[in-house]
Amino acid sequence: MTLDDALTALRALAEPGRAEGMSAYHKQTREVIGIPNRALNEVTTEWRRTLPVPERVTLAASLWKTDIFEASIAAAKLLTQARLRPDTEAWALIKSWLPDLDSWAIADHAMMAGQKRLMADLSRMDEVEAWTTSESLWTRRAALTVTLPLAKKNNPNAAEAQARARVLTWAETYVSDTEWFIQKAVAWWLRDLSKHDAEATRAFLEGPGQGLKPFAQKEAAKHL
């Protein structure tokens, strides 16, 4: 499938009048086509089913470079799959998107793709740790969103438990970060962790978490 084929397929899914509302809601300055979520999910699911991995990676790279809102999300969805072999090029592509992240919807979809690749190879945690000191709030935030599956594990194995504890040390360094999106990301991570490890969540909130903003503390403790 060529880029032109993919863009033609995406533009055919546009819903009249939807682009303006989406652009305002997501605070976008890039082009927004106006595709309903369900339609975008369906077309990217079909692409994942029919395209071989190398072709998917190539198409994802091309779609991302268009800087069109739905094309960027479609790029991420093309790579959001637990079993993706080989996945070295996919992981490298996802990392290359970090400097472009500038809004929560695109960032979240990109990191959902990243989650699959990270959980497939936890040695990549070393690379993710470098994101925690980035000047970009979106890259710092990505370190938490990409590691969310670790917070959601009911019975983590030894490597997953070690990785989970490592993320908590990153979260500790974020406590003093006053950016709303960072505070929200820490709260989100802890909230999810609390459903599976309430003790660790309480320990964090009673310790370094005391420095979180009140709204973040409340969100983190929501399920305790």
Protein backbone atom coordinates (compact mmCIF):
# COMPACT_ATOMS: atom_id res chain seq x y z
CA MET A 1 0.00 0.00 0.00
CA THR A 2 1.36 3.42 -0.93
CA LEU A 3 1.03 6.56 1.14
CA ASP A 4 -1.36 8.02 -1.43
CA ASP A 5 -3.54 4.92 -1.18
CA ALA A 6 -3.64 5.22 2.60
CA LEU A 7 -4.45 8.94 2.58
CA THR A 8 -7.20 8.40 0.01
CA ALA A 9 -8.70 5.72 2.24
CA LEU A 10 -8.50 7.99 5.29
CA ARG A 11 -10.03 11.01 3.57
CA ALA A 12 -12.91 8.82 2.38
CA LEU A 13 -13.80 8.26 6.05
CA ALA A 14 -14.22 11.96 6.83
CA GLU A 15 -17.51 12.91 8.45
CA PRO A 16 -18.82 16.30 7.27
CA GLY A 17 -18.47 19.00 9.92
CA ARG A 18 -16.47 16.81 12.29
CA ALA A 19 -12.99 18.22 11.59
CA GLU A 20 -13.68 21.62 13.13
CA GLY A 21 -14.92 20.18 16.41
CA MET A 22 -12.06 17.70 16.65
CA SER A 23 -9.52 20.40 15.91
CA ALA A 24 -10.90 22.59 18.68
CA TYR A 25 -11.19 19.75 21.21
CA HIS A 26 -7.66 18.47 20.58
CA LYS A 27 -6.26 22.00 20.19
CA GLN A 28 -4.70 21.14 16.85
CA THR A 29 -2.98 23.47 14.41
CA ARG A 30 -2.16 20.56 12.05
CA GLU A 31 -4.70 19.34 9.51
CA VAL A 32 -7.59 17.32 10.95
CA ILE A 33 -9.57 15.19 8.50
CA GLY A 34 -12.56 14.53 10.77
CA ILE A 35 -12.67 10.73 11.03
CA PRO A 36 -14.78 9.05 13.75
CA ASN A 37 -12.74 6.87 16.11
CA ARG A 38 -14.58 3.70 15.16
CA ALA A 39 -13.89 4.18 11.45
CA LEU A 40 -10.21 4.88 12.09
CA ASN A 41 -9.95 1.78 14.26
CA GLU A 42 -11.59 -0.38 11.60
CA VAL A 43 -9.37 0.73 8.73
CA THR A 44 -6.13 0.42 10.71
CA THR A 45 -7.18 -3.00 12.01
CA GLU A 46 -7.62 -4.12 8.40
CA TRP A 47 -4.21 -2.70 7.47
CA ARG A 48 -2.58 -4.55 10.36
CA ARG A 49 -4.27 -7.77 9.26
CA THR A 50 -3.25 -7.58 5.61
CA LEU A 51 0.12 -5.80 5.49
CA PRO A 52 3.40 -7.56 6.35
CA VAL A 53 5.43 -6.02 9.16
CA PRO A 54 8.10 -4.29 7.02
CA GLU A 55 5.42 -2.67 4.86
CA ARG A 56 3.51 -1.56 7.95
CA VAL A 57 6.61 0.09 9.40
CA THR A 58 7.30 1.89 6.12
CA LEU A 59 3.70 3.07 5.84
CA ALA A 60 3.63 4.17 9.47
CA ALA A 61 6.75 6.28 8.92
CA SER A 62 5.22 7.91 5.84
CA LEU A 63 1.88 8.58 7.50
CA TRP A 64 3.56 10.20 10.49
CA LYS A 65 5.57 12.54 8.28
CA THR A 66 2.39 14.00 6.75
CA ASP A 67 1.68 15.69 10.11
CA ILE A 68 -2.04 15.09 9.61
CA PHE A 69 -3.80 14.36 12.91
CA GLU A 70 -5.52 11.11 11.94
CA ALA A 71 -2.57 9.98 9.83
CA SER A 72 -0.32 10.26 12.88
CA ILE A 73 -2.74 8.22 14.96
CA ALA A 74 -3.09 5.68 12.15
CA ALA A 75 0.70 5.37 12.05
CA ALA A 76 0.74 4.47 15.73
CA LYS A 77 -2.16 2.04 15.36
CA LEU A 78 -0.32 0.21 12.58
CA LEU A 79 2.35 -0.72 15.13
CA THR A 80 0.09 -1.41 18.12
CA GLN A 81 0.33 -5.18 18.26
CA ALA A 82 1.73 -7.44 20.97
CA ARG A 83 3.40 -9.89 18.59
CA LEU A 84 5.37 -8.01 15.99
CA ARG A 85 8.39 -9.76 14.54
CA PRO A 86 10.82 -8.42 13.75
CA ASP A 87 10.22 -5.34 15.90
CA THR A 88 13.58 -3.56 16.03
CA GLU A 89 12.66 -1.13 13.25
CA ALA A 90 9.22 -0.53 14.75
CA TRP A 91 10.73 0.36 18.14
CA ALA A 92 13.27 2.66 16.49
CA LEU A 93 10.47 4.39 14.56
CA ILE A 94 8.37 4.89 17.68
CA LYS A 95 11.35 6.44 19.48
CA SER A 96 11.93 8.76 16.52
CA TRP A 97 8.46 10.21 17.05
CA LEU A 98 9.25 11.55 20.53
CA PRO A 99 10.39 15.03 19.39
CA ASP A 100 7.12 15.46 17.48
CA LEU A 101 4.80 14.76 20.40
CA ASP A 102 2.85 17.89 21.27
CA SER A 103 -0.68 16.81 22.24
CA TRP A 104 -2.14 14.10 24.44
CA ALA A 105 -4.12 12.16 21.81
CA ILE A 106 -1.20 11.64 19.43
CA ALA A 107 1.22 11.08 22.31
CA ASP A 108 -1.02 8.45 23.92
CA HIS A 109 -1.48 6.51 20.69
CA ALA A 110 2.23 6.60 19.93
CA MET A 111 3.02 5.28 23.39
CA MET A 112 0.36 2.57 23.18
CA ALA A 113 2.41 1.26 20.27
CA GLY A 114 5.50 1.71 22.39
CA GLN A 115 3.98 -0.24 25.28
CA LYS A 116 3.81 -3.40 23.18
CA ARG A 117 7.43 -3.11 22.13
CA LEU A 118 8.66 -2.35 25.64
CA MET A 119 6.85 -5.29 27.20
CA ALA A 120 8.23 -7.53 24.46
CA ASP A 121 11.76 -6.55 25.51
CA LEU A 122 12.24 -5.00 28.95
CA SER A 123 15.90 -4.30 28.23
CA ARG A 124 14.50 -1.23 26.46
CA MET A 125 13.83 0.27 29.91
CA ASP A 126 17.35 1.68 29.79
CA GLU A 127 16.42 3.73 26.76
CA VAL A 128 13.14 4.86 28.30
CA GLU A 129 14.90 6.04 31.46
CA ALA A 130 16.74 8.62 29.35
CA TRP A 131 13.38 10.13 28.45
CA THR A 132 12.75 11.09 32.07
CA THR A 133 15.25 13.96 31.94
CA SER A 134 14.19 15.36 28.57
CA GLU A 135 13.46 19.07 28.26
CA SER A 136 10.21 18.14 26.52
CA LEU A 137 7.32 17.53 28.90
CA TRP A 138 5.79 15.17 26.32
CA THR A 139 8.91 13.00 26.28
CA ARG A 140 9.06 12.97 30.09
CA ARG A 141 5.38 12.05 30.17
CA ALA A 142 5.97 9.31 27.59
CA ALA A 143 8.25 7.48 30.04
CA LEU A 144 5.21 6.91 32.25
CA THR A 145 2.61 6.24 29.57
CA VAL A 146 4.82 3.70 27.79
CA THR A 147 5.33 1.80 31.06
CA LEU A 148 1.66 1.71 32.12
CA PRO A 149 1.34 -2.06 31.45
CA LEU A 150 3.80 -2.63 34.31
CA ALA A 151 1.43 -0.89 36.71
CA LYS A 152 -1.44 -3.09 35.54
CA LYS A 153 0.24 -6.46 36.13
CA ASN A 154 -1.55 -8.67 38.67
CA ASN A 155 1.29 -11.13 39.05
CA PRO A 156 4.46 -9.58 37.63
CA ASN A 157 7.43 -11.87 37.14
CA ALA A 158 10.80 -10.92 38.63
CA ALA A 159 11.85 -8.77 35.66
CA GLU A 160 8.49 -6.99 35.54
CA ALA A 161 8.51 -6.36 39.30
CA GLN A 162 12.00 -4.89 39.04
CA ALA A 163 10.91 -2.69 36.13
CA ARG A 164 7.81 -1.57 38.05
CA ALA A 165 9.94 -0.53 41.02
CA ARG A 166 12.23 1.33 38.65
CA VAL A 167 9.35 3.38 37.26
CA LEU A 168 8.39 4.38 40.80
CA THR A 169 11.86 5.88 41.23
CA TRP A 170 11.25 7.89 38.06
CA ALA A 171 7.87 9.00 39.37
CA GLU A 172 9.59 10.21 42.53
CA THR A 173 11.72 12.59 40.46
CA TYR A 174 8.54 13.88 38.78
CA VAL A 175 6.84 14.88 42.02
CA SER A 176 8.37 18.35 41.96
CA ASP A 177 7.57 18.85 38.27
CA THR A 178 4.76 21.41 38.22
CA GLU A 179 3.58 20.68 34.66
CA TRP A 180 -0.08 19.60 34.81
CA PHE A 181 0.41 16.79 32.30
CA ILE A 182 3.31 15.37 34.34
CA GLN A 183 1.38 15.50 37.60
CA LYS A 184 -1.58 13.84 35.85
CA ALA A 185 0.68 11.13 34.39
CA VAL A 186 2.11 10.27 37.82
CA ALA A 187 -1.40 10.15 39.28
CA TRP A 188 -2.62 7.98 36.39
CA TRP A 189 0.25 5.53 36.85
CA LEU A 190 -0.30 5.28 40.60
CA ARG A 191 -4.06 4.95 40.21
CA ASP A 192 -3.58 1.95 37.92
CA LEU A 193 -0.95 0.48 40.22
CA SER A 194 -3.27 0.77 43.21
CA LYS A 195 -5.62 -1.81 41.68
CA HIS A 196 -2.83 -4.39 41.69
CA ASP A 197 -0.41 -3.28 44.42
CA ALA A 198 -2.20 -1.09 46.92
CA GLU A 199 0.66 -1.37 49.43
CA ALA A 200 3.24 0.08 47.04
CA THR A 201 0.86 2.86 46.04
CA ARG A 202 0.17 3.82 49.67
CA ALA A 203 3.88 3.79 50.44
CA PHE A 204 4.54 6.16 47.58
CA LEU A 205 1.69 8.52 48.50
CA GLU A 206 2.69 8.57 52.15
CA GLY A 207 6.31 9.24 51.18
CA PRO A 208 7.46 11.18 48.11
CA GLY A 209 3.89 11.47 46.87
CA GLN A 210 3.22 14.06 49.57
CA GLY A 211 4.84 16.51 47.19
CA LEU A 212 2.30 15.94 44.44
CA LYS A 213 -0.31 18.57 43.79
CA PRO A 214 -3.58 17.91 45.67
CA PHE A 215 -5.52 16.94 42.52
CA ALA A 216 -2.84 14.38 41.64
CA GLN A 217 -2.84 12.89 45.14
CA LYS A 218 -6.60 12.57 45.03
CA GLU A 219 -6.55 10.91 41.59
CA ALA A 220 -3.78 8.52 42.59
CA ALA A 221 -5.70 7.41 45.70
CA LYS A 222 -9.03 7.05 43.91
CA HIS A 223 -9.16 3.24 44.21
CA LEU A 224 -7.48 2.85 47.57
